[in-house]
Structure formats: C-alpha cells, structure tokens
C-alpha cells in the first residue's frame, strides 16, 4: 500500500496541520480530494485536485527540509483539476523536499522525493 504524506491548510483559517496517510480528507463538512504523482519523481509532477481551476494561477514553492526555498514560480493550470509542474531544470538533487501548492483559496503541502 502506498502512503501519501500531506499537510493541508487554508489561506484564511488552518484546516489541518500534520501528516496523513490518505489522499482525501473530510474536514469541516468539506471533502478535499487531491492526488500527486509520480512520487518519487524524475522531472515533473502532476497534481489532481478539484481546487485547481483551468486558467487560474497557482503558486508553487519547493523547499528543502530546512525550510530553504529552492524553487518558486506561478503556473497557470492548462487543464481543469490538473496541474503539471516541470522540475527538470531546477537542479534538484536526489532527496526529500516539501512542495507547497497555493491555489486561489487553499494551500496544500506535499512531501516529494526526487529519485534521479
């Protein structure tokens, strides 16, 4: 069984802070569905979520485990409910990182692993 580790928060009010082992959360009568793949990744990551809206800007930040920002940019979603993040030219070494996705109303934090 694959375990997914996420930290979820909301821009105006924290929803949850901690690691969970499932890609869906039911919090405050809301269902937050998301899927990040592949993880581990080589060059790019895709995130599926109902909070990703085609044409909207999404802020992406990749940090090391010390909290240092290694990569940051805004990406326009090309598809409804899916965002593809190209990390090929970002000089990330093999290892563990935290990816922060900030949509219009939510912040999602993902533990990601670069394997090549």
Protein backbone atom coordinates (compact mmCIF):
# COMPACT_ATOMS: atom_id res chain seq x y z
CA UNK A 1 0.00 0.00 0.00
CA UNK A 2 1.35 3.42 -0.97
CA UNK A 3 1.35 6.03 1.78
CA UNK A 4 0.89 9.67 0.81
CA UNK A 5 2.04 12.37 3.19
CA UNK A 6 0.36 15.75 3.05
CA UNK A 7 -0.10 18.83 5.18
CA UNK A 8 -3.28 20.76 4.49
CA UNK A 9 -4.06 24.34 5.40
CA UNK A 10 -6.42 27.05 4.21
CA UNK A 11 -5.43 30.65 3.43
CA UNK A 12 -7.74 32.23 5.96
CA UNK A 13 -8.12 29.50 8.57
CA UNK A 14 -5.99 26.40 9.21
CA UNK A 15 -7.79 23.19 8.30
CA UNK A 16 -5.18 20.68 9.41
CA UNK A 17 -1.52 20.64 10.18
CA UNK A 18 0.26 17.30 10.18
CA UNK A 19 0.97 14.30 8.04
CA UNK A 20 -1.81 11.97 6.94
CA UNK A 21 -1.80 8.66 5.13
CA UNK A 22 -4.65 9.08 2.66
CA UNK A 23 -5.18 11.38 -0.35
CA UNK A 24 -8.66 12.54 0.76
CA UNK A 25 -9.66 14.48 3.84
CA UNK A 26 -13.07 15.26 5.20
CA UNK A 27 -12.76 18.36 7.34
CA UNK A 28 -15.48 20.82 8.36
CA UNK A 29 -18.03 19.21 6.03
CA UNK A 30 -15.65 19.68 3.08
CA UNK A 31 -14.08 16.88 1.10
CA UNK A 32 -10.61 17.79 -0.11
CA UNK A 33 -9.53 15.39 -2.86
CA UNK A 34 -6.06 15.51 -4.33
CA UNK A 35 -3.58 13.19 -5.96
CA UNK A 36 0.12 13.80 -6.60
CA UNK A 37 2.04 11.56 -8.99
CA UNK A 38 4.59 10.19 -9.64
CA UNK A 39 6.21 10.23 -6.25
CA UNK A 40 9.15 9.59 -6.30
CA UNK A 41 9.57 11.78 -9.43
CA UNK A 42 12.28 12.36 -12.02
CA UNK A 43 11.46 15.55 -13.94
CA UNK A 44 7.84 16.55 -13.38
CA UNK A 45 4.93 16.10 -11.00
CA UNK A 46 1.20 16.19 -11.68
CA UNK A 47 -1.37 17.19 -9.08
CA UNK A 48 -5.06 16.46 -9.49
CA UNK A 49 -7.48 18.39 -7.27
CA UNK A 50 -10.94 19.90 -7.61
CA UNK A 51 -9.37 23.15 -6.35
CA UNK A 52 -7.26 23.55 -9.49
CA UNK A 53 -9.16 25.68 -11.99
CA UNK A 54 -8.13 25.88 -15.66
CA UNK A 55 -6.66 29.30 -16.43
CA UNK A 56 -6.02 30.25 -12.79
CA UNK A 57 -2.57 30.97 -11.42
CA UNK A 58 -1.18 28.51 -8.86
CA UNK A 59 1.87 29.38 -6.80
CA UNK A 60 4.43 26.61 -6.41
CA UNK A 61 7.24 26.56 -3.84
CA UNK A 62 9.72 23.72 -3.34
CA UNK A 63 11.71 23.77 -0.09
CA UNK A 64 14.35 21.54 1.41
CA UNK A 65 13.77 20.03 4.85
CA UNK A 66 15.44 23.05 6.47
CA UNK A 67 12.80 25.38 5.00
CA UNK A 68 15.08 26.92 2.38
CA UNK A 69 13.18 27.87 -0.79
CA UNK A 70 14.81 26.14 -3.78
CA UNK A 71 12.21 26.81 -6.46
CA UNK A 72 9.29 29.22 -6.70
CA UNK A 73 7.01 30.28 -9.54
CA UNK A 74 3.41 30.76 -10.61
CA UNK A 75 1.93 28.27 -13.04
CA UNK A 76 -1.31 28.64 -14.99
CA UNK A 77 -3.35 25.42 -14.97
CA UNK A 78 -3.73 24.21 -18.56
CA UNK A 79 -6.38 21.63 -17.64
CA UNK A 80 -9.34 21.57 -15.29
CA UNK A 81 -8.45 19.93 -11.95
CA UNK A 82 -4.87 19.14 -13.02
CA UNK A 83 -1.56 20.93 -12.70
CA UNK A 84 1.72 19.71 -14.21
CA UNK A 85 4.88 21.04 -12.57
CA UNK A 86 8.09 20.77 -14.61
CA UNK A 87 11.09 20.47 -12.30
CA UNK A 88 13.59 19.19 -14.88
CA UNK A 89 15.79 22.30 -14.99
CA UNK A 90 15.64 23.21 -11.30
CA UNK A 91 18.85 21.41 -10.24
CA UNK A 92 17.17 19.37 -7.54
CA UNK A 93 19.37 16.56 -6.27
CA UNK A 94 18.13 13.13 -5.20
CA UNK A 95 16.33 13.58 -1.89
CA UNK A 96 13.27 14.63 0.06
CA UNK A 97 11.53 18.00 -0.45
CA UNK A 98 8.37 19.82 0.56
CA UNK A 99 6.18 21.14 -2.26
CA UNK A 100 3.68 23.89 -1.43
CA UNK A 101 0.79 24.45 -3.84
CA UNK A 102 -1.19 27.62 -3.26
CA UNK A 103 -4.45 27.78 -5.21
CA UNK A 104 -6.96 30.61 -5.09
CA UNK A 105 -8.38 29.53 -1.70
CA UNK A 106 -6.17 26.72 -0.38
CA UNK A 107 -2.63 25.75 0.44
CA UNK A 108 -1.55 22.12 0.03
CA UNK A 109 1.80 20.80 1.24
CA UNK A 110 3.25 17.60 -0.21
CA UNK A 111 6.28 15.56 0.78
CA UNK A 112 8.00 14.69 -2.50
CA UNK A 113 11.07 12.61 -3.32
CA UNK A 114 13.43 13.19 -6.26
CA UNK A 115 14.94 9.87 -7.33
CA UNK A 116 17.14 10.68 -10.36
